């Protein structure tokens, strides 16, 4: 059976008092949950570049984080001092709309098991990664952190959003009950190496890269995208996200989740045009307006992160070129 949470030492203290963010111990064991994914792999690269010598991860075939006993046993063996919880079941608008039970159940189980195991084994610093979809569908733009739980969610991904909100509150509860110096970060739309480019499960940007690349190589006369192309989205390269994660772990301790993004956005139509250019596609683009647009705009207010001394460094055009180059190199090995 999994260990009881009462094995974690109870610290009777106010939220976060007594912890001063500082450089992390580069020799300590650092567990990245989801280390092969888009964000997790970028975090591993960033940690190794920063001199961390004991970064660990387990593929889902080795450790199913939905399995509570297996997760607790892994923490008992590994004893990580630091944890980034980047493991999640993720997908685009089609996947979220089609499988809401899976997105709710799988993510809540993953989060609960990792956070509870981290409590039981007294992890010093934990960073939980959420998603900008936690905010209300019609939140004032740009979205501030205190917009959380102030309105209705976007129906096409509400199950995933609820799971991520539960993770934020779980971290906040650990701070209150156990005095843990744990934090949450809310990334905007991410892209980069190791993304999911499958037609059925990907987010908008990798889906567009694959669609336009296949159209360019197949000589298609037109490409059809979902919706009207008018919604606005903010995009952040995963390497920037990884850099922000390390910065937060070393410079921030507070109960509020911190938005991570660029502070600028573009329309879906504009990102489609940019990807068409990068892939060399010269045909027409059509829009299927019978399909949903999703949230009209989702731009994060990143002033809290800026005040902490961090800003994004990779421009969108450069990030697209780098991501497309990675896609072409690995296209034969990607999910169908």
Protein backbone atom coordinates (compact mmCIF):
# COMPACT_ATOMS: atom_id res chain seq x y z
CA UNK A 1 0.00 0.00 0.00
CA UNK A 2 1.06 3.59 -0.60
CA UNK A 3 2.44 5.56 2.33
CA UNK A 4 0.17 7.77 4.37
CA UNK A 5 0.49 11.51 3.99
CA UNK A 6 0.98 11.75 7.73
CA UNK A 7 4.53 10.48 7.17
CA UNK A 8 5.38 13.97 5.90
CA UNK A 9 6.44 16.21 8.78
CA UNK A 10 3.75 18.71 9.74
CA UNK A 11 5.15 22.23 9.80
CA UNK A 12 2.93 24.65 11.66
CA UNK A 13 3.79 27.90 9.92
CA UNK A 14 2.21 30.60 7.82
CA UNK A 15 2.33 30.32 4.04
CA UNK A 16 5.90 30.25 2.79
CA UNK A 17 7.39 32.12 5.77
CA UNK A 18 10.99 31.16 6.44
CA UNK A 19 11.96 30.23 2.89
CA UNK A 20 14.11 32.55 0.82
CA UNK A 21 14.41 31.51 -2.84
CA UNK A 22 18.03 30.89 -3.74
CA UNK A 23 20.12 28.89 -6.23
CA UNK A 24 19.24 25.21 -6.07
CA UNK A 25 21.79 22.57 -5.12
CA UNK A 26 23.19 21.33 -8.44
CA UNK A 27 24.12 17.95 -6.91
CA UNK A 28 20.67 17.17 -5.47
CA UNK A 29 18.32 14.65 -7.09
CA UNK A 30 15.90 16.50 -9.37
CA UNK A 31 12.88 14.58 -10.68
CA UNK A 32 11.21 15.84 -13.85
CA UNK A 33 7.83 14.11 -14.22
CA UNK A 34 7.06 13.98 -17.94
CA UNK A 35 10.71 14.27 -18.96
CA UNK A 36 10.13 13.10 -22.53
CA UNK A 37 7.34 15.53 -23.35
CA UNK A 38 7.46 18.98 -24.90
CA UNK A 39 8.02 20.85 -21.63
CA UNK A 40 9.71 18.13 -19.61
CA UNK A 41 12.41 17.46 -22.19
CA UNK A 42 13.14 21.18 -22.43
CA UNK A 43 13.43 21.38 -18.64
CA UNK A 44 15.87 18.46 -18.60
CA UNK A 45 18.01 20.20 -21.23
CA UNK A 46 17.93 23.45 -19.23
CA UNK A 47 18.84 21.77 -15.94
CA UNK A 48 21.73 19.86 -17.46
CA UNK A 49 23.00 23.03 -19.11
CA UNK A 50 22.82 24.75 -15.70
CA UNK A 51 25.03 22.08 -14.13
CA UNK A 52 22.55 19.77 -12.40
CA UNK A 53 24.20 16.35 -12.15
CA UNK A 54 21.36 14.10 -10.94
CA UNK A 55 18.32 14.80 -13.13
CA UNK A 56 15.99 11.79 -13.20
CA UNK A 57 12.92 10.84 -15.17
CA UNK A 58 10.89 7.77 -16.03
CA UNK A 59 9.00 6.99 -19.22
CA UNK A 60 5.35 6.05 -18.79
CA UNK A 61 6.22 2.45 -19.71
CA UNK A 62 8.59 2.39 -16.71
CA UNK A 63 6.40 4.32 -14.27
CA UNK A 64 2.66 4.87 -14.65
CA UNK A 65 1.99 7.94 -12.53
CA UNK A 66 -1.70 7.02 -12.46
CA UNK A 67 -0.61 4.06 -10.31
CA UNK A 68 -0.45 5.42 -6.76
CA UNK A 69 1.56 2.58 -5.21
CA UNK A 70 4.10 2.64 -8.05
CA UNK A 71 4.48 6.41 -7.73
CA UNK A 72 5.08 6.24 -3.97
CA UNK A 73 7.55 3.40 -4.44
CA UNK A 74 9.49 5.46 -7.00
CA UNK A 75 9.74 8.40 -4.60
CA UNK A 76 10.85 6.06 -1.80
CA UNK A 77 13.69 4.71 -3.98
CA UNK A 78 14.73 7.96 -5.62
CA UNK A 79 14.23 10.49 -2.80
CA UNK A 80 14.20 13.60 -5.01
CA UNK A 81 14.85 16.93 -3.35
CA UNK A 82 13.28 18.91 -6.20
CA UNK A 83 10.36 18.06 -8.50
CA UNK A 84 8.86 19.63 -11.59
CA UNK A 85 5.45 18.17 -12.35
CA UNK A 86 5.23 18.46 -16.14
CA UNK A 87 3.56 15.08 -16.72
CA UNK A 88 0.02 15.37 -18.07
CA UNK A 89 -2.42 14.05 -20.60
CA UNK A 90 -2.61 16.89 -23.13
CA UNK A 91 -4.24 17.52 -26.47
CA UNK A 92 -5.86 20.06 -28.74
CA UNK A 93 -9.44 21.17 -29.11
CA UNK A 94 -10.55 17.96 -30.87
CA UNK A 95 -9.03 15.63 -28.28
CA UNK A 96 -10.32 17.68 -25.33
CA UNK A 97 -13.82 17.82 -26.79
CA UNK A 98 -13.91 14.10 -27.57
CA UNK A 99 -12.38 12.64 -24.41
CA UNK A 100 -13.23 14.91 -21.44
CA UNK A 101 -13.41 12.00 -18.98
CA UNK A 102 -9.89 10.90 -19.87
CA UNK A 103 -8.49 14.42 -19.54
CA UNK A 104 -10.15 14.92 -16.15
CA UNK A 105 -9.48 11.51 -14.63
CA UNK A 106 -5.95 10.90 -15.90
CA UNK A 107 -4.65 14.33 -14.96
CA UNK A 108 -6.18 14.37 -11.50
CA UNK A 109 -4.70 10.95 -10.75
CA UNK A 110 -1.24 11.91 -12.04
CA UNK A 111 -1.18 15.17 -10.08
CA UNK A 112 -2.58 13.73 -6.87
CA UNK A 113 -0.17 10.80 -6.81
CA UNK A 114 2.93 12.90 -7.50
CA UNK A 115 2.02 15.68 -5.07
CA UNK A 116 1.02 13.27 -2.30
CA UNK A 117 4.22 11.25 -2.79
CA UNK A 118 6.25 14.46 -2.72
CA UNK A 119 4.60 15.36 0.58
CA UNK A 120 5.19 11.91 2.04
CA UNK A 121 8.88 12.10 1.14
CA UNK A 122 9.40 15.74 2.12
CA UNK A 123 10.38 17.25 -1.25
CA UNK A 124 11.88 20.71 -0.70
CA UNK A 125 10.76 22.47 -3.87
CA UNK A 126 8.01 21.43 -6.27
CA UNK A 127 6.84 23.29 -9.35
CA UNK A 128 3.44 22.35 -10.75
CA UNK A 129 2.78 23.26 -14.37
CA UNK A 130 -0.77 24.16 -15.30
CA UNK A 131 -2.23 25.71 -18.43
CA UNK A 132 -3.67 29.06 -19.42
CA UNK A 133 -7.00 27.30 -20.06
CA UNK A 134 -7.61 27.44 -16.31
CA UNK A 135 -8.83 31.01 -16.73
CA UNK A 136 -12.41 31.97 -17.59
CA UNK A 137 -13.33 31.93 -21.27
CA UNK A 138 -14.14 35.65 -21.26
CA UNK A 139 -11.54 36.81 -18.74
CA UNK A 140 -10.37 40.41 -19.22
CA UNK A 141 -7.30 40.54 -21.48
CA UNK A 142 -4.46 40.27 -20.80
CA UNK A 143 -5.35 37.68 -18.15
CA UNK A 144 -4.06 38.35 -14.66
CA UNK A 145 -3.41 35.64 -12.10
CA UNK A 146 -6.33 36.78 -9.94
CA UNK A 147 -8.79 35.99 -12.75
CA UNK A 148 -8.72 32.36 -11.62
CA UNK A 149 -12.19 31.08 -10.62
CA UNK A 150 -13.96 34.30 -11.56
CA UNK A 151 -16.05 33.03 -14.49
CA UNK A 152 -17.11 30.19 -16.78
CA UNK A 153 -14.47 28.03 -18.48
CA UNK A 154 -14.16 27.35 -22.20
CA UNK A 155 -16.50 24.35 -22.79
CA UNK A 156 -14.17 22.62 -25.26
CA UNK A 157 -11.47 22.05 -22.61
CA UNK A 158 -13.26 22.54 -19.28
CA UNK A 159 -12.44 19.02 -18.00
CA UNK A 160 -8.70 19.54 -18.52
CA UNK A 161 -8.94 23.00 -16.97
CA UNK A 162 -10.69 21.68 -13.86
CA UNK A 163 -7.95 19.09 -13.40
CA UNK A 164 -5.26 21.78 -13.62
CA UNK A 165 -7.15 24.05 -11.21
CA UNK A 166 -7.25 21.14 -8.75
CA UNK A 167 -3.46 20.88 -9.05
CA UNK A 168 -3.01 24.57 -8.24
CA UNK A 169 -5.22 24.27 -5.18
CA UNK A 170 -3.39 21.10 -4.12
CA UNK A 171 -0.10 23.00 -4.14
CA UNK A 172 -1.66 25.89 -2.22
CA UNK A 173 -3.07 23.42 0.33
CA UNK A 174 0.39 21.86 0.80
CA UNK A 175 1.75 25.33 1.49
CA UNK A 176 -0.93 26.03 4.11
CA UNK A 177 -1.01 22.66 5.85
CA UNK A 178 2.64 21.63 5.63
CA UNK A 179 4.46 24.94 5.09
CA UNK A 180 5.93 23.68 1.81
CA UNK A 181 7.77 26.15 -0.44
CA UNK A 182 5.97 24.84 -3.52
CA UNK A 183 4.77 26.90 -6.46
CA UNK A 184 2.71 26.74 -9.66
CA UNK A 185 3.32 28.22 -13.10
CA UNK A 186 0.75 28.76 -15.85
CA UNK A 187 2.30 28.61 -19.32
CA UNK A 188 0.65 30.03 -22.38
CA UNK A 189 0.47 27.94 -25.59
CA UNK A 190 3.78 26.13 -25.90
CA UNK A 191 5.59 24.71 -28.91
CA UNK A 192 8.99 23.28 -29.80
CA UNK A 193 10.94 20.00 -30.04
CA UNK A 194 9.22 16.82 -28.83
CA UNK A 195 5.75 18.28 -29.34
CA UNK A 196 2.81 16.08 -30.34
CA UNK A 197 2.31 16.51 -34.08
CA UNK A 198 -0.40 13.85 -34.51
CA UNK A 199 -3.50 15.04 -36.42
CA UNK A 200 -5.91 13.80 -33.74
CA UNK A 201 -4.16 14.83 -30.53
CA UNK A 202 -2.03 17.89 -31.20
CA UNK A 203 -2.45 21.54 -30.29
CA UNK A 204 -2.99 24.15 -32.96
CA UNK A 205 0.60 25.11 -33.80
CA UNK A 206 2.09 21.61 -34.26
CA UNK A 207 -1.09 20.53 -36.07
CA UNK A 208 -0.63 23.40 -38.52
CA UNK A 209 3.06 22.57 -39.04
CA UNK A 210 2.22 19.01 -39.98
CA UNK A 211 -0.76 20.02 -42.14
CA UNK A 212 1.13 22.60 -44.17
CA UNK A 213 4.26 20.46 -44.47
CA UNK A 214 2.24 17.54 -45.85
CA UNK A 215 0.36 19.88 -48.19
CA UNK A 216 3.62 21.39 -49.46
CA UNK A 217 5.21 17.99 -50.03
CA UNK A 218 2.07 16.52 -51.56
CA UNK A 219 1.38 19.45 -53.85
CA UNK A 220 -2.09 20.09 -52.38
CA UNK A 221 -3.95 23.04 -53.89
CA UNK A 222 -5.51 24.05 -50.58
CA UNK A 223 -5.39 23.49 -46.82
CA UNK A 224 -8.48 23.61 -44.62
CA UNK A 225 -8.23 24.78 -41.00
CA UNK A 226 -10.84 24.74 -38.24
CA UNK A 227 -12.87 27.81 -37.31
CA UNK A 228 -12.65 31.36 -38.58
CA UNK A 229 -8.98 32.06 -37.96
CA UNK A 230 -9.86 35.11 -35.86
CA UNK A 231 -9.11 33.89 -32.29
CA UNK A 232 -5.91 35.31 -30.86
CA UNK A 233 -3.27 33.13 -29.21
CA UNK A 234 0.06 33.68 -27.48
CA UNK A 235 2.89 31.23 -28.24
CA UNK A 236 6.00 30.51 -26.16
CA UNK A 237 8.90 28.27 -27.17
CA UNK A 238 9.46 25.35 -24.79
CA UNK A 239 13.11 26.33 -24.24
CA UNK A 240 11.93 29.71 -22.94
CA UNK A 241 9.43 27.92 -20.71
CA UNK A 242 12.15 25.71 -19.27
CA UNK A 243 14.32 28.74 -18.54
CA UNK A 244 11.37 30.42 -16.79
CA UNK A 245 10.80 27.32 -14.65
CA UNK A 246 14.34 27.34 -13.29
CA UNK A 247 14.12 31.09 -12.74
CA UNK A 248 10.91 30.71 -10.72
CA UNK A 249 12.34 27.91 -8.60
CA UNK A 250 15.29 30.11 -7.70
CA UNK A 251 13.51 33.47 -7.38
CA UNK A 252 9.87 32.97 -6.37
CA UNK A 253 7.97 31.61 -3.40
CA UNK A 254 4.30 32.48 -3.08
CA UNK A 255 0.82 30.94 -3.16
CA UNK A 256 -0.30 32.51 -6.45
CA UNK A 257 0.33 30.73 -9.72
CA UNK A 258 2.62 32.73 -12.02
CA UNK A 259 1.74 33.32 -15.67
CA UNK A 260 4.49 32.46 -18.16
CA UNK A 261 4.31 33.85 -21.67
CA UNK A 262 5.57 36.48 -24.08
CA UNK A 263 2.96 39.17 -23.45
CA UNK A 264 2.05 39.34 -27.16
CA UNK A 265 -0.38 37.38 -29.32
CA UNK A 266 -1.34 36.74 -32.96
CA UNK A 267 -4.46 35.50 -34.71
CA UNK A 268 -4.75 31.86 -35.76
CA UNK A 269 -4.90 33.12 -39.34
CA UNK A 270 -1.58 34.95 -38.87
CA UNK A 271 0.13 31.91 -37.35
CA UNK A 272 -1.19 29.77 -40.22
CA UNK A 273 0.28 32.22 -42.74
CA UNK A 274 3.62 32.20 -40.93
CA UNK A 275 3.73 28.40 -40.89
CA UNK A 276 2.77 28.21 -44.56
CA UNK A 277 5.77 30.44 -45.29
CA UNK A 278 8.16 28.42 -43.13
CA UNK A 279 7.09 25.14 -44.74
CA UNK A 280 7.22 26.56 -48.27
CA UNK A 281 3.53 25.99 -48.96
CA UNK A 282 2.16 28.21 -51.74
CA UNK A 283 -1.43 27.00 -52.06
CA UNK A 284 -4.68 28.43 -50.70
CA UNK A 285 -5.91 28.30 -47.10
CA UNK A 286 -9.60 27.72 -46.42
CA UNK A 287 -11.48 27.93 -43.11
CA UNK A 288 -14.19 25.52 -41.96
CA UNK A 289 -16.42 27.85 -39.96
CA UNK A 290 -18.68 24.97 -38.89
CA UNK A 291 -15.91 23.92 -36.50
CA UNK A 292 -15.41 25.65 -33.11
CA UNK A 293 -12.98 28.52 -32.57
CA UNK A 294 -12.50 27.97 -28.86
CA UNK A 295 -11.71 30.92 -26.60
CA UNK A 296 -11.74 34.23 -28.55
CA UNK A 297 -8.50 35.46 -26.99
CA UNK A 298 -6.05 34.06 -24.50
CA UNK A 299 -3.25 36.49 -23.71
CA UNK A 300 -1.53 36.30 -20.35
CA UNK A 301 -0.51 39.25 -18.22
CA UNK A 302 3.13 38.42 -17.46
CA UNK A 303 3.91 41.45 -15.31
CA UNK A 304 4.44 39.32 -12.19
CA UNK A 305 7.07 37.25 -13.98
CA UNK A 306 8.66 40.36 -15.48
CA UNK A 307 8.96 41.87 -12.00
CA UNK A 308 10.74 38.69 -10.92
CA UNK A 309 13.38 39.44 -13.57
CA UNK A 310 12.45 37.12 -16.44
CA UNK A 311 11.32 37.77 -20.02
CA UNK A 312 11.10 35.51 -23.06
CA UNK A 313 14.04 35.50 -25.48
CA UNK A 314 13.02 33.45 -28.55
CA UNK A 315 11.04 35.43 -31.18
CA UNK A 316 8.12 33.61 -32.78
CA UNK A 317 9.61 33.57 -36.28
CA UNK A 318 12.87 32.08 -35.01
CA UNK A 319 11.00 29.57 -32.85
CA UNK A 320 8.90 28.45 -35.81
CA UNK A 321 12.00 27.90 -37.96
CA UNK A 322 13.68 25.88 -35.23
CA UNK A 323 10.58 23.81 -34.54
CA UNK A 324 9.99 23.07 -38.21
CA UNK A 325 13.62 22.03 -38.65
CA UNK A 326 13.23 19.64 -35.71
CA UNK A 327 9.98 18.30 -37.16
CA UNK A 328 11.57 17.56 -40.54
CA UNK A 329 14.49 15.78 -38.86
CA UNK A 330 12.17 13.57 -36.79
CA UNK A 331 9.11 13.32 -39.06
CA UNK A 332 9.60 9.63 -39.82
CA UNK A 333 9.54 8.74 -36.12
CA UNK A 334 6.56 10.85 -35.03
CA UNK A 335 3.12 9.55 -34.09
CA UNK A 336 0.77 8.99 -37.01
